[in-house]
N, C-alpha and C. Protein backbone atom coordinates (compact mmCIF):
# COMPACT_ATOMS: atom_id res chain seq x y z
N MET A 1 0.77 -1.19 -0.07
CA MET A 1 -0.10 -0.05 0.08
C MET A 1 0.97 1.10 0.03
N ILE A 2 0.43 2.33 -0.95
CA ILE A 2 1.11 3.44 -1.01
C ILE A 2 0.25 4.54 -0.66
N THR A 3 0.81 5.80 0.01
CA THR A 3 -0.10 6.93 0.19
C THR A 3 0.55 7.81 -0.74
N VAL A 4 -0.69 8.70 -1.40
CA VAL A 4 -0.23 9.83 -1.95
C VAL A 4 -1.28 11.06 -2.02
N GLY A 5 -0.62 11.95 -2.22
CA GLY A 5 -1.64 13.34 -2.09
C GLY A 5 -2.79 13.32 -3.08
N ALA A 6 -3.65 14.41 -2.91
CA ALA A 6 -4.75 13.97 -4.35
C ALA A 6 -4.01 14.72 -5.33
N PHE A 7 -3.41 15.61 -5.44
CA PHE A 7 -2.53 16.50 -6.31
C PHE A 7 -1.75 15.50 -6.96
N GLU A 8 -0.91 14.65 -6.36
CA GLU A 8 -0.20 13.47 -7.09
C GLU A 8 -0.97 12.30 -7.57
N ALA A 9 -2.21 12.15 -6.91
CA ALA A 9 -2.96 11.11 -7.68
C ALA A 9 -3.38 11.91 -8.82
N LYS A 10 -3.96 12.87 -8.76
CA LYS A 10 -4.72 13.27 -9.96
C LYS A 10 -3.39 13.29 -11.32
N THR A 11 -2.20 13.75 -11.21
CA THR A 11 -1.28 14.05 -12.26
C THR A 11 -0.49 12.39 -12.52
N LYS A 12 -0.45 11.49 -11.50
CA LYS A 12 -0.37 10.14 -12.18
C LYS A 12 -1.22 9.21 -12.06
N PHE A 13 -2.51 9.45 -12.08
CA PHE A 13 -3.34 8.66 -11.99
C PHE A 13 -3.13 7.34 -13.02
N SER A 14 -2.92 7.40 -14.14
CA SER A 14 -2.84 6.33 -15.11
C SER A 14 -1.89 5.11 -14.38
N GLU A 15 -0.66 5.65 -13.62
CA GLU A 15 0.56 5.09 -13.22
C GLU A 15 0.09 4.33 -12.13
N LEU A 16 -0.71 5.01 -11.41
CA LEU A 16 -1.50 4.58 -9.85
C LEU A 16 -2.51 3.25 -10.32
N LEU A 17 -3.22 3.49 -11.69
CA LEU A 17 -3.95 2.60 -11.94
C LEU A 17 -3.09 1.24 -12.38
N ASP A 18 -2.09 1.31 -13.33
CA ASP A 18 -1.15 0.25 -13.38
C ASP A 18 -0.65 -0.49 -12.31
N ARG A 19 -0.66 0.31 -11.07
CA ARG A 19 -0.06 -0.62 -9.72
C ARG A 19 -1.20 -1.17 -9.36
N VAL A 20 -2.45 -0.52 -9.19
CA VAL A 20 -3.41 -1.12 -8.67
C VAL A 20 -3.75 -2.50 -9.76
N GLU A 21 -3.77 -2.33 -10.80
CA GLU A 21 -4.01 -3.65 -11.75
C GLU A 21 -2.66 -4.71 -10.92
N ARG A 22 -1.59 -4.37 -10.73
CA ARG A 22 -0.52 -5.49 -10.24
C ARG A 22 -1.07 -5.56 -8.67
N GLY A 23 -2.29 -5.30 -8.23
CA GLY A 23 -2.28 -5.82 -6.93
C GLY A 23 -2.21 -4.89 -5.53
N GLU A 24 -1.69 -3.75 -5.94
CA GLU A 24 -1.57 -2.93 -4.86
C GLU A 24 -2.60 -1.89 -4.45
N GLU A 25 -2.42 -1.62 -3.29
CA GLU A 25 -3.47 -0.56 -2.67
C GLU A 25 -3.00 0.63 -2.67
N ILE A 26 -4.06 1.84 -3.04
CA ILE A 26 -3.31 3.11 -2.81
C ILE A 26 -4.38 3.92 -2.14
N VAL A 27 -3.76 4.63 -0.89
CA VAL A 27 -4.57 5.75 -0.21
C VAL A 27 -4.44 7.00 -0.81
N VAL A 28 -5.52 7.75 -0.96
CA VAL A 28 -5.40 8.97 -1.53
C VAL A 28 -5.50 10.00 -0.18
N THR A 29 -4.88 10.79 0.02
CA THR A 29 -5.23 12.24 1.18
C THR A 29 -5.08 13.30 0.58
N ARG A 30 -5.67 13.99 1.56
CA ARG A 30 -5.89 15.11 1.43
C ARG A 30 -5.73 16.42 2.75
N HIS A 31 -4.68 17.01 2.54
CA HIS A 31 -4.00 17.81 3.68
C HIS A 31 -3.51 16.82 5.00
N GLY A 32 -3.30 15.42 4.32
CA GLY A 32 -2.72 14.72 5.44
C GLY A 32 -3.67 13.58 6.08
N LYS A 33 -4.77 13.91 5.48
CA LYS A 33 -6.22 13.07 6.01
C LYS A 33 -6.62 12.19 4.71
N THR A 34 -6.77 10.97 5.02
CA THR A 34 -7.04 9.56 4.24
C THR A 34 -8.67 10.07 3.57
N VAL A 35 -8.81 10.30 2.38
CA VAL A 35 -10.14 10.54 1.71
C VAL A 35 -10.32 9.46 0.70
N ALA A 36 -9.66 8.19 0.32
CA ALA A 36 -10.08 7.42 -0.59
C ALA A 36 -8.84 6.29 -0.40
N ARG A 37 -9.50 5.32 -1.11
CA ARG A 37 -8.58 4.00 -1.37
C ARG A 37 -8.89 3.51 -2.54
N ILE A 38 -7.78 3.17 -3.47
CA ILE A 38 -7.75 2.64 -4.69
C ILE A 38 -7.68 1.10 -4.70
N VAL A 39 -8.47 0.07 -5.02
CA VAL A 39 -7.90 -1.19 -4.78
C VAL A 39 -8.67 -2.02 -5.92
N PRO A 40 -7.78 -2.87 -6.15
CA PRO A 40 -8.01 -3.96 -7.18
C PRO A 40 -9.65 -4.38 -7.28
N ASP A 41 -10.30 -4.50 -8.30
CA ASP A 41 -11.51 -5.22 -8.19
C ASP A 41 -11.69 -6.50 -8.79
N GLY A 42 -12.10 -7.35 -7.80
CA GLY A 42 -12.11 -8.83 -8.15
C GLY A 42 -10.81 -9.33 -7.52
N PRO A 43 -10.84 -10.68 -7.68
CA PRO A 43 -9.69 -11.54 -7.47
C PRO A 43 -8.66 -11.39 -8.04
N LEU A 44 -7.31 -11.47 -7.64
CA LEU A 44 -5.89 -11.25 -8.18
C LEU A 44 -5.68 -12.79 -8.55
N ASP A 45 -4.66 -12.73 -9.37
CA ASP A 45 -4.04 -14.27 -9.88
C ASP A 45 -3.10 -14.37 -8.73
N ALA A 46 -2.47 -15.60 -8.65
CA ALA A 46 -1.67 -15.87 -7.35
C ALA A 46 -0.39 -15.18 -7.35
N GLU A 47 0.02 -14.54 -8.55
CA GLU A 47 1.55 -14.18 -8.49
C GLU A 47 0.88 -12.47 -8.09
N ALA A 48 -0.04 -11.70 -8.54
CA ALA A 48 -0.35 -10.62 -8.11
C ALA A 48 -0.34 -10.55 -6.59
N GLU A 49 -1.02 -11.65 -6.10
CA GLU A 49 -1.70 -11.68 -4.67
C GLU A 49 -0.33 -11.73 -4.04
N ARG A 50 0.63 -12.64 -4.27
CA ARG A 50 1.86 -12.86 -3.68
C ARG A 50 2.45 -11.63 -3.46
N LYS A 51 2.63 -10.66 -4.70
CA LYS A 51 3.25 -9.58 -4.61
C LYS A 51 2.82 -8.75 -4.00
N ALA A 52 1.45 -8.52 -3.85
CA ALA A 52 0.86 -7.57 -2.65
C ALA A 52 1.09 -7.68 -1.32
N ARG A 53 1.16 -9.10 -1.21
CA ARG A 53 1.27 -9.59 0.44
C ARG A 53 2.50 -9.04 0.70
N GLU A 54 3.92 -9.48 -0.04
CA GLU A 54 4.97 -9.14 0.00
C GLU A 54 5.13 -7.46 0.17
N ALA A 55 4.64 -6.85 -0.54
CA ALA A 55 4.43 -5.23 -0.36
C ALA A 55 3.84 -4.85 0.70
N ARG A 56 3.13 -5.48 1.10
CA ARG A 56 2.21 -4.86 2.58
C ARG A 56 3.11 -5.16 3.69
N ALA A 57 3.69 -6.51 3.65
CA ALA A 57 4.86 -6.88 5.12
C ALA A 57 5.84 -5.90 4.70
N GLU A 58 6.31 -5.50 3.76
CA GLU A 58 7.54 -4.68 3.68
C GLU A 58 6.91 -3.23 4.28
N GLU A 59 6.01 -2.55 4.01
CA GLU A 59 5.14 -1.55 4.44
C GLU A 59 5.19 -1.53 5.67
N ILE A 60 4.74 -2.79 6.36
CA ILE A 60 4.34 -2.92 7.94
C ILE A 60 5.89 -2.48 8.55
N LYS A 61 6.77 -3.24 7.92
CA LYS A 61 8.36 -3.68 8.54
C LYS A 61 8.73 -2.15 8.53
N ALA A 62 8.27 -0.98 7.59
CA ALA A 62 9.12 0.24 7.37
C ALA A 62 8.32 0.87 8.53
N GLU A 63 6.95 0.92 8.91
CA GLU A 63 6.06 1.48 9.65
C GLU A 63 6.96 1.33 11.12
N PHE A 64 6.87 -0.24 11.66
CA PHE A 64 7.28 -0.42 12.90
C PHE A 64 8.85 -0.05 12.94
N ALA A 65 9.62 0.29 11.98
CA ALA A 65 11.13 0.87 11.73
C ALA A 65 10.90 2.28 12.39
N ARG A 66 9.71 2.94 11.64
CA ARG A 66 9.82 4.22 12.03
C ARG A 66 9.00 4.60 13.51
N THR A 67 8.27 3.75 13.75
CA THR A 67 7.88 3.90 15.30
C THR A 67 8.99 3.64 16.17
N ARG A 68 9.88 2.59 16.05
CA ARG A 68 11.07 2.17 16.96
C ARG A 68 11.85 3.42 16.96
N GLU A 69 12.11 3.97 15.98
CA GLU A 69 13.10 5.22 15.91
C GLU A 69 12.26 6.41 16.42
N MET A 70 10.99 6.66 16.55
CA MET A 70 10.54 7.77 17.12
C MET A 70 10.50 7.45 18.42
N LEU A 71 10.26 6.38 19.08
CA LEU A 71 10.35 5.89 20.26
C LEU A 71 11.56 6.04 21.09
N ARG A 72 12.37 5.66 20.22
CA ARG A 72 13.93 5.85 20.35
C ARG A 72 14.58 7.42 20.78
N ARG A 73 13.81 8.30 19.93
CA ARG A 73 14.45 9.71 19.94
C ARG A 73 13.44 10.17 20.92
N GLU A 74 12.47 9.77 21.48
CA GLU A 74 11.60 10.27 22.69
C GLU A 74 12.10 9.51 24.01
N GLY A 75 13.20 8.88 23.95
CA GLY A 75 13.65 8.00 25.24
C GLY A 75 12.65 7.18 25.66
N VAL A 76 11.73 6.35 24.96
CA VAL A 76 10.99 5.63 25.58
C VAL A 76 11.32 3.93 25.14
N SER A 77 11.36 3.44 26.09
CA SER A 77 11.81 1.99 26.04
C SER A 77 10.64 0.98 26.96
N LEU A 78 10.26 0.00 26.08
CA LEU A 78 9.00 -0.92 26.38
C LEU A 78 9.89 -2.29 26.55
N THR A 79 9.47 -3.13 27.73
CA THR A 79 9.74 -4.35 27.65
C THR A 79 9.06 -5.37 26.91
N ARG A 80 9.60 -6.34 26.82
CA ARG A 80 8.70 -7.64 26.16
C ARG A 80 7.16 -7.62 26.70
N ASP A 81 6.96 -7.76 27.76
CA ASP A 81 5.76 -7.85 28.46
C ASP A 81 5.09 -6.57 28.07
N GLU A 82 5.37 -5.54 28.25
CA GLU A 82 4.74 -4.29 27.81
C GLU A 82 3.93 -4.22 26.30
N ILE A 83 5.00 -4.65 25.38
CA ILE A 83 4.65 -4.73 23.95
C ILE A 83 3.54 -5.57 23.69
N ILE A 84 3.60 -6.90 24.55
CA ILE A 84 2.74 -7.83 24.22
C ILE A 84 1.46 -7.12 24.90
N GLU A 85 1.52 -6.61 25.84
CA GLU A 85 0.22 -6.05 26.47
C GLU A 85 -0.35 -5.20 25.71
N LEU A 86 0.31 -4.03 25.11
CA LEU A 86 -0.24 -3.14 24.08
C LEU A 86 -0.76 -3.66 22.81
N ARG A 87 0.12 -4.62 22.30
CA ARG A 87 -0.61 -5.71 21.06
C ARG A 87 -2.10 -6.17 21.75
N ASP A 88 -2.03 -6.82 22.61
CA ASP A 88 -3.51 -7.33 23.07
C ASP A 88 -4.63 -6.09 23.23
N LEU A 89 -4.19 -5.09 23.37
CA LEU A 89 -5.18 -4.09 23.79
C LEU A 89 -5.67 -3.55 22.52
N GLY A 90 -4.72 -3.86 21.32
CA GLY A 90 -5.20 -3.26 20.06
C GLY A 90 -6.00 -4.45 19.40
N ARG A 91 -6.05 -5.38 20.05
CA ARG A 91 -6.95 -6.78 19.65
C ARG A 91 -8.53 -6.68 20.09
N ARG A 92 -8.46 -5.97 20.83
CA ARG A 92 -9.91 -5.98 21.84
C ARG A 92 -10.84 -5.29 20.93
């Protein structure tokens, strides 16, 4: 999944549609707030599905890295048990 601003989505719409055809999801924002998602229509073939899952996994890893770095800069450290507790809170 990638995130683009409304202006960029307008100027690169054809390119974004090509990416959606390959299985990616596009989030469109306006002033930093999500206003739309462009997602593939219908089932993906096996290869596109695999690529979409891999791309999403990479995005999640990158988000974790950004969060870890932000917490490190703020001087926040969490124990393993605290992380698990926060994870479980998010599942409720």
